[in-house]
Amino acid sequence: MNKIVIIDDHQLFLHGLKLTLENENNVVVTFDSPIKALVEIKNIQPDLILMDLYMPEMNGVAMIESLIQAEIPSPVVVLSACEDYQDVYHALQKGAMGFIPKSYSPQAMLNALEAVFEGDIFVPDNIAIEIDKIAQFEIKNKKAFNLSDRQIQILKLLHEGKKNREIADLLCISQDTVKFHQKGLYIALDVSGTTSRLQAVEKAISLGLIKA
C-alpha cells in the first residue's frame, strides 16, 4: 500500500485517477490547487506525488522547485497531456522521476508508477528520444554562448515579463545578483541599449535557448 498525492486542477480527471489508484489499495489524497498542496503535503508525507504540468496557480516546474525548497523528499511524477517536450525535459531536470501521458490506459499508468516505485525514471521511449534531442540542442547552444543555468532561468523569467525584484524573489537571490547575471547575458548575446531585455529574449528564442 502506497500513500499517493495527486495535484490536478481538472476535477473529473482527479476523481477518476483517485478511484483507479484506490482500487489498487493505495491511500490517495487529492488537491485541485498546488498552493493548497504545498501547505498540507509535508504533514501527509506521501510515497509519491502525481501532478499536472499546467495549472493556473503554479506550473509543474515551479511546483517541483517549491517542493525541493520545502524539503519534501517524495518522488514526483508528471502526469500530463503536455506535448511540449521541452517542458517535460525541464521538469525532469528539476528532479521529476517520470512523465506519463494522460492518454495512457489505467494499466499502462500503473505499470509506469510501479517502475518509479522501484527506483527507475519512467519516460515513454518515443518521448525519451525527443527529450534527448532537446537536451543536446540546449547543451550545444549554452556552450556556444557560454550561458549558465542561472542565466537561462533569468532569460525565461524576463520572457515572462518579470521585473528584477520579482526575479530575485522567485530565485531567492538579491537584485544585485540578478543585475550581475543580466549583464553577463547581454554581453554573451551581444545586445545593448535601452531595449536590452527585449533584444536578449528575442535572440534567445530565435536560437532555441528558450521557447516562445
C-alpha atoms as a PDB file:
ATOM      1  CA  MET A   1       0.000   0.000   0.000  1.00  0.00           C
ATOM      2  CA  ASN A   2       1.362   3.418  -1.010  1.00  0.00           C
ATOM      3  CA  LYS A   3       0.305   6.902   0.011  1.00  0.00           C
ATOM      4  CA  ILE A   4      -0.131   8.998  -3.136  1.00  0.00           C
ATOM      5  CA  VAL A   5      -0.906  12.694  -3.547  1.00  0.00           C
ATOM      6  CA  ILE A   6      -2.484  13.874  -6.814  1.00  0.00           C
ATOM      7  CA  ILE A   7      -2.396  17.555  -7.826  1.00  0.00           C
ATOM      8  CA  ASP A   8      -4.534  18.488 -10.833  1.00  0.00           C
ATOM      9  CA  ASP A   9      -6.994  21.304 -11.477  1.00  0.00           C
ATOM     10  CA  HIS A  10      -9.355  19.142 -13.579  1.00  0.00           C
ATOM     11  CA  GLN A  11     -11.921  17.703 -11.177  1.00  0.00           C
ATOM     12  CA  LEU A  12     -13.226  14.918 -13.420  1.00  0.00           C
ATOM     13  CA  PHE A  13      -9.731  13.599 -14.148  1.00  0.00           C
ATOM     14  CA  LEU A  14      -8.767  13.970 -10.483  1.00  0.00           C
ATOM     15  CA  HIS A  15     -11.740  11.876  -9.359  1.00  0.00           C
ATOM     16  CA  GLY A  16     -11.182   9.146 -11.955  1.00  0.00           C
ATOM     17  CA  LEU A  17      -7.492   8.828 -11.190  1.00  0.00           C
ATOM     18  CA  LYS A  18      -8.193   8.683  -7.460  1.00  0.00           C
ATOM     19  CA  LEU A  19     -10.593   5.760  -7.948  1.00  0.00           C
ATOM     20  CA  THR A  20      -8.107   3.933 -10.196  1.00  0.00           C
ATOM     21  CA  LEU A  21      -5.330   4.186  -7.619  1.00  0.00           C
ATOM     22  CA  GLU A  22      -7.570   3.355  -4.672  1.00  0.00           C
ATOM     23  CA  ASN A  23      -8.679   0.197  -6.480  1.00  0.00           C
ATOM     24  CA  GLU A  24      -5.026  -0.864  -6.261  1.00  0.00           C
ATOM     25  CA  ASN A  25      -5.113  -0.487  -2.447  1.00  0.00           C
ATOM     26  CA  ASN A  26      -3.356   2.871  -2.373  1.00  0.00           C
ATOM     27  CA  VAL A  27      -4.217   5.687   0.026  1.00  0.00           C
ATOM     28  CA  VAL A  28      -4.916   8.717  -2.155  1.00  0.00           C
ATOM     29  CA  VAL A  29      -5.140  12.408  -1.220  1.00  0.00           C
ATOM     30  CA  THR A  30      -6.142  14.892  -3.933  1.00  0.00           C
ATOM     31  CA  PHE A  31      -5.646  18.632  -4.401  1.00  0.00           C
ATOM     32  CA  ASP A  32      -7.026  20.835  -7.159  1.00  0.00           C
ATOM     33  CA  SER A  33      -4.637  23.612  -6.116  1.00  0.00           C
ATOM     34  CA  PRO A  34      -0.830  23.399  -5.936  1.00  0.00           C
ATOM     35  CA  ILE A  35      -0.830  26.195  -3.347  1.00  0.00           C
ATOM     36  CA  LYS A  36      -3.084  24.200  -1.018  1.00  0.00           C
ATOM     37  CA  ALA A  37      -0.986  21.110  -1.647  1.00  0.00           C
ATOM     38  CA  LEU A  38       2.218  22.886  -0.589  1.00  0.00           C
ATOM     39  CA  VAL A  39       0.603  23.898   2.702  1.00  0.00           C
ATOM     40  CA  GLU A  40      -0.520  20.377   3.611  1.00  0.00           C
ATOM     41  CA  ILE A  41       1.782  17.961   1.819  1.00  0.00           C
ATOM     42  CA  LYS A  42       4.571  17.904   4.398  1.00  0.00           C
ATOM     43  CA  ASN A  43       2.190  16.543   7.023  1.00  0.00           C
ATOM     44  CA  ILE A  44       0.958  13.866   4.617  1.00  0.00           C
ATOM     45  CA  GLN A  45       4.467  12.550   3.772  1.00  0.00           C
ATOM     46  CA  PRO A  46       3.361  10.790   0.566  1.00  0.00           C
ATOM     47  CA  ASP A  47       5.304   7.987  -1.085  1.00  0.00           C
ATOM     48  CA  LEU A  48       4.627   9.620  -4.453  1.00  0.00           C
ATOM     49  CA  ILE A  49       3.311  12.899  -5.846  1.00  0.00           C
ATOM     50  CA  LEU A  50       1.465  12.825  -9.181  1.00  0.00           C
ATOM     51  CA  MET A  51       0.817  16.200 -10.770  1.00  0.00           C
ATOM     52  CA  ASP A  52      -0.069  18.022 -13.956  1.00  0.00           C
ATOM     53  CA  LEU A  53       2.415  20.352 -15.652  1.00  0.00           C
ATOM     54  CA  TYR A  54      -0.016  23.170 -16.360  1.00  0.00           C
ATOM     55  CA  MET A  55      -2.098  24.571 -13.509  1.00  0.00           C
ATOM     56  CA  PRO A  56      -3.439  28.127 -13.115  1.00  0.00           C
ATOM     57  CA  GLU A  57      -1.747  28.978  -9.809  1.00  0.00           C
ATOM     58  CA  MET A  58       1.662  27.425 -10.460  1.00  0.00           C
ATOM     59  CA  ASN A  59       3.200  25.380 -13.254  1.00  0.00           C
ATOM     60  CA  GLY A  60       4.709  21.974 -12.630  1.00  0.00           C
ATOM     61  CA  VAL A  61       8.343  23.051 -12.829  1.00  0.00           C
ATOM     62  CA  ALA A  62       7.767  25.803 -10.253  1.00  0.00           C
ATOM     63  CA  MET A  63       5.909  23.301  -8.079  1.00  0.00           C
ATOM     64  CA  ILE A  64       8.853  20.885  -8.158  1.00  0.00           C
ATOM     65  CA  GLU A  65      11.180  23.735  -7.164  1.00  0.00           C
ATOM     66  CA  SER A  66       8.844  24.657  -4.286  1.00  0.00           C
ATOM     67  CA  LEU A  67       8.769  21.059  -3.066  1.00  0.00           C
ATOM     68  CA  ILE A  68      12.570  20.991  -3.045  1.00  0.00           C
ATOM     69  CA  GLN A  69      12.728  24.291  -1.134  1.00  0.00           C
ATOM     70  CA  ALA A  70      10.232  22.894   1.383  1.00  0.00           C
ATOM     71  CA  GLU A  71      12.490  19.828   1.789  1.00  0.00           C
ATOM     72  CA  ILE A  72       9.752  17.412   0.746  1.00  0.00           C
ATOM     73  CA  PRO A  73      11.593  14.271  -0.439  1.00  0.00           C
ATOM     74  CA  SER A  74       8.645  12.484  -2.080  1.00  0.00           C
ATOM     75  CA  PRO A  75       9.317  11.468  -5.694  1.00  0.00           C
ATOM     76  CA  VAL A  76       7.331  13.448  -8.276  1.00  0.00           C
ATOM     77  CA  VAL A  77       5.837  12.074 -11.485  1.00  0.00           C
ATOM     78  CA  VAL A  78       4.324  14.394 -14.077  1.00  0.00           C
ATOM     79  CA  LEU A  79       1.023  13.122 -15.475  1.00  0.00           C
ATOM     80  CA  SER A  80       0.020  15.468 -18.269  1.00  0.00           C
ATOM     81  CA  ALA A  81      -1.430  15.897 -21.742  1.00  0.00           C
ATOM     82  CA  CYS A  82       1.557  18.150 -22.474  1.00  0.00           C
ATOM     83  CA  GLU A  83       3.007  17.819 -25.955  1.00  0.00           C
ATOM     84  CA  ASP A  84       5.719  20.435 -25.413  1.00  0.00           C
ATOM     85  CA  TYR A  85       8.523  18.084 -24.508  1.00  0.00           C
ATOM     86  CA  GLN A  86      10.812  20.966 -23.607  1.00  0.00           C
ATOM     87  CA  ASP A  87       8.633  21.493 -20.537  1.00  0.00           C
ATOM     88  CA  VAL A  88       8.866  17.776 -19.753  1.00  0.00           C
ATOM     89  CA  TYR A  89      12.645  17.975 -20.134  1.00  0.00           C
ATOM     90  CA  HIS A  90      12.824  20.879 -17.675  1.00  0.00           C
ATOM     91  CA  ALA A  91      10.614  19.037 -15.172  1.00  0.00           C
ATOM     92  CA  LEU A  92      12.950  16.041 -15.345  1.00  0.00           C
ATOM     93  CA  GLN A  93      15.932  18.369 -14.954  1.00  0.00           C
ATOM     94  CA  LYS A  94      14.389  19.722 -11.770  1.00  0.00           C
ATOM     95  CA  GLY A  95      14.089  16.227 -10.345  1.00  0.00           C
ATOM     96  CA  ALA A  96      10.842  14.668 -11.585  1.00  0.00           C
ATOM     97  CA  MET A  97      11.069  10.876 -11.601  1.00  0.00           C
ATOM     98  CA  GLY A  98       8.956  10.425 -14.695  1.00  0.00           C
ATOM     99  CA  PHE A  99       6.446  11.594 -17.251  1.00  0.00           C
ATOM    100  CA  ILE A 100       3.227   9.737 -18.017  1.00  0.00           C
ATOM    101  CA  PRO A 101       0.944  10.967 -20.827  1.00  0.00           C
ATOM    102  CA  LYS A 102      -2.701  11.389 -19.826  1.00  0.00           C
ATOM    103  CA  SER A 103      -3.568   9.354 -22.914  1.00  0.00           C
ATOM    104  CA  TYR A 104      -2.152   6.229 -21.221  1.00  0.00           C
ATOM    105  CA  SER A 105      -4.531   3.446 -20.251  1.00  0.00           C
ATOM    106  CA  PRO A 106      -5.031   2.872 -16.497  1.00  0.00           C
ATOM    107  CA  GLN A 107      -2.944  -0.313 -16.621  1.00  0.00           C
ATOM    108  CA  ALA A 108      -0.105   1.343 -18.551  1.00  0.00           C
ATOM    109  CA  MET A 109      -0.085   4.141 -15.979  1.00  0.00           C
ATOM    110  CA  LEU A 110       0.024   1.659 -13.090  1.00  0.00           C
ATOM    111  CA  ASN A 111       2.925  -0.165 -14.742  1.00  0.00           C
ATOM    112  CA  ALA A 112       4.774   3.136 -15.127  1.00  0.00           C
ATOM    113  CA  LEU A 113       4.204   4.020 -11.463  1.00  0.00           C
ATOM    114  CA  GLU A 114       5.462   0.606 -10.422  1.00  0.00           C
ATOM    115  CA  ALA A 115       8.714   1.309 -12.274  1.00  0.00           C
ATOM    116  CA  VAL A 116       9.074   4.595 -10.366  1.00  0.00           C
ATOM    117  CA  PHE A 117       8.393   2.886  -7.025  1.00  0.00           C
ATOM    118  CA  GLU A 118      11.217   0.504  -7.885  1.00  0.00           C
ATOM    119  CA  GLY A 119      13.566   3.454  -8.324  1.00  0.00           C
ATOM    120  CA  ASP A 120      13.513   3.933 -12.100  1.00  0.00           C
ATOM    121  CA  ILE A 121      12.829   7.132 -14.024  1.00  0.00           C
ATOM    122  CA  PHE A 122       9.930   6.469 -16.371  1.00  0.00           C
ATOM    123  CA  VAL A 123       9.563   8.213 -19.726  1.00  0.00           C
ATOM    124  CA  PRO A 124       7.919   6.577 -22.772  1.00  0.00           C
ATOM    125  CA  ASP A 125      10.541   5.562 -25.349  1.00  0.00           C
ATOM    126  CA  ASN A 126       9.242   7.851 -28.124  1.00  0.00           C
ATOM    127  CA  ILE A 127       9.204  10.857 -25.802  1.00  0.00           C
ATOM    128  CA  ALA A 128      12.629   9.997 -24.366  1.00  0.00           C
ATOM    129  CA  ILE A 129      14.043  10.313 -27.902  1.00  0.00           C
ATOM    130  CA  GLU A 130      12.558  13.817 -28.271  1.00  0.00           C
ATOM    131  CA  ILE A 131      13.779  14.870 -24.831  1.00  0.00           C
ATOM    132  CA  ASP A 132      17.292  13.710 -25.665  1.00  0.00           C
ATOM    133  CA  LYS A 133      17.243  15.874 -28.813  1.00  0.00           C
ATOM    134  CA  ILE A 134      16.157  18.884 -26.736  1.00  0.00           C
ATOM    135  CA  ALA A 135      18.874  18.218 -24.171  1.00  0.00           C
ATOM    136  CA  GLN A 136      21.592  18.004 -26.809  1.00  0.00           C
ATOM    137  CA  PHE A 137      20.341  21.170 -28.512  1.00  0.00           C
ATOM    138  CA  GLU A 138      20.255  23.151 -25.258  1.00  0.00           C
ATOM    139  CA  ILE A 139      23.694  21.941 -24.203  1.00  0.00           C
ATOM    140  CA  LYS A 140      25.127  22.888 -27.596  1.00  0.00           C
ATOM    141  CA  ASN A 141      23.670  26.413 -27.512  1.00  0.00           C
ATOM    142  CA  LYS A 142      24.523  27.061 -23.869  1.00  0.00           C
ATOM    143  CA  LYS A 143      28.114  26.083 -24.585  1.00  0.00           C
ATOM    144  CA  ALA A 144      28.207  28.210 -27.741  1.00  0.00           C
ATOM    145  CA  PHE A 145      27.094  31.302 -25.827  1.00  0.00           C
ATOM    146  CA  ASN A 146      28.703  30.290 -22.531  1.00  0.00           C
ATOM    147  CA  LEU A 147      25.428  30.715 -20.619  1.00  0.00           C
ATOM    148  CA  SER A 148      24.969  29.304 -17.137  1.00  0.00           C
ATOM    149  CA  ASP A 149      21.839  27.533 -15.908  1.00  0.00           C
ATOM    150  CA  ARG A 150      21.071  30.595 -13.764  1.00  0.00           C
ATOM    151  CA  GLN A 151      21.290  32.876 -16.794  1.00  0.00           C
ATOM    152  CA  ILE A 152      18.883  30.627 -18.685  1.00  0.00           C
ATOM    153  CA  GLN A 153      16.486  30.791 -15.713  1.00  0.00           C
ATOM    154  CA  ILE A 154      16.656  34.581 -15.745  1.00  0.00           C
ATOM    155  CA  LEU A 155      16.107  34.675 -19.512  1.00  0.00           C
ATOM    156  CA  LYS A 156      12.897  32.676 -19.098  1.00  0.00           C
ATOM    157  CA  LEU A 157      11.670  34.974 -16.354  1.00  0.00           C
ATOM    158  CA  LEU A 158      12.497  38.044 -18.468  1.00  0.00           C
ATOM    159  CA  HIS A 159      10.425  36.465 -21.235  1.00  0.00           C
ATOM    160  CA  GLU A 160       7.545  36.140 -18.750  1.00  0.00           C
ATOM    161  CA  GLY A 161       7.794  39.887 -18.119  1.00  0.00           C
ATOM    162  CA  LYS A 162       9.122  39.609 -14.569  1.00  0.00           C
ATOM    163  CA  LYS A 163      10.809  42.644 -13.030  1.00  0.00           C
ATOM    164  CA  ASN A 164      14.184  42.350 -11.296  1.00  0.00           C
ATOM    165  CA  ARG A 165      12.570  42.364  -7.847  1.00  0.00           C
ATOM    166  CA  GLU A 166      10.222  39.529  -8.852  1.00  0.00           C
ATOM    167  CA  ILE A 167      13.098  37.532 -10.384  1.00  0.00           C
ATOM    168  CA  ALA A 168      15.141  37.974  -7.205  1.00  0.00           C
ATOM    169  CA  ASP A 169      12.235  36.753  -5.056  1.00  0.00           C
ATOM    170  CA  LEU A 170      11.494  33.755  -7.293  1.00  0.00           C
ATOM    171  CA  LEU A 171      15.131  32.635  -7.430  1.00  0.00           C
ATOM    172  CA  CYS A 172      15.901  33.538  -3.797  1.00  0.00           C
ATOM    173  CA  ILE A 173      18.795  35.805  -4.781  1.00  0.00           C
ATOM    174  CA  SER A 174      19.446  39.537  -4.408  1.00  0.00           C
ATOM    175  CA  GLN A 175      18.508  42.111  -7.045  1.00  0.00           C
ATOM    176  CA  ASP A 176      22.212  42.924  -7.411  1.00  0.00           C
ATOM    177  CA  THR A 177      22.863  39.276  -8.300  1.00  0.00           C
ATOM    178  CA  VAL A 178      20.060  39.418 -10.876  1.00  0.00           C
ATOM    179  CA  LYS A 179      21.669  42.505 -12.431  1.00  0.00           C
ATOM    180  CA  PHE A 180      25.053  40.771 -12.451  1.00  0.00           C
ATOM    181  CA  HIS A 181      23.638  37.799 -14.373  1.00  0.00           C
ATOM    182  CA  GLN A 182      21.755  40.105 -16.735  1.00  0.00           C
ATOM    183  CA  LYS A 183      24.953  41.945 -17.597  1.00  0.00           C
ATOM    184  CA  GLY A 184      26.630  38.629 -18.439  1.00  0.00           C
ATOM    185  CA  LEU A 185      23.621  37.645 -20.552  1.00  0.00           C
ATOM    186  CA  TYR A 186      23.687  40.850 -22.569  1.00  0.00           C
ATOM    187  CA  ILE A 187      27.414  40.519 -23.221  1.00  0.00           C
ATOM    188  CA  ALA A 188      27.105  36.847 -24.245  1.00  0.00           C
ATOM    189  CA  LEU A 189      24.145  37.526 -26.556  1.00  0.00           C
ATOM    190  CA  ASP A 190      25.713  40.746 -27.888  1.00  0.00           C
ATOM    191  CA  VAL A 191      22.803  43.072 -27.114  1.00  0.00           C
ATOM    192  CA  SER A 192      22.839  46.576 -25.662  1.00  0.00           C
ATOM    193  CA  GLY A 193      20.846  49.760 -25.212  1.00  0.00           C
ATOM    194  CA  THR A 194      17.528  50.594 -23.601  1.00  0.00           C
ATOM    195  CA  THR A 195      15.842  47.543 -25.144  1.00  0.00           C
ATOM    196  CA  SER A 196      18.481  45.035 -23.974  1.00  0.00           C
ATOM    197  CA  ARG A 197      15.886  42.892 -22.190  1.00  0.00           C
ATOM    198  CA  LEU A 198      13.670  42.615 -25.242  1.00  0.00           C
ATOM    199  CA  GLN A 199      16.624  42.007 -27.566  1.00  0.00           C
ATOM    200  CA  ALA A 200      18.024  39.283 -25.300  1.00  0.00           C
ATOM    201  CA  VAL A 201      14.684  37.458 -25.121  1.00  0.00           C
ATOM    202  CA  GLU A 202      14.078  37.706 -28.874  1.00  0.00           C
ATOM    203  CA  LYS A 203      17.580  36.442 -29.661  1.00  0.00           C
ATOM    204  CA  ALA A 204      17.287  33.596 -27.132  1.00  0.00           C
ATOM    205  CA  ILE A 205      14.003  32.496 -28.726  1.00  0.00           C
ATOM    206  CA  SER A 206      15.454  32.603 -32.228  1.00  0.00           C
ATOM    207  CA  LEU A 207      18.394  30.454 -31.060  1.00  0.00           C
ATOM    208  CA  GLY A 208      16.148  27.963 -29.286  1.00  0.00           C
ATOM    209  CA  LEU A 209      17.592  28.776 -25.852  1.00  0.00           C
ATOM    210  CA  ILE A 210      14.072  29.404 -24.570  1.00  0.00           C
ATOM    211  CA  LYS A 211      10.672  28.746 -26.100  1.00  0.00           C
ATOM    212  CA  ALA A 212       8.368  31.466 -27.401  1.00  0.00           C
END
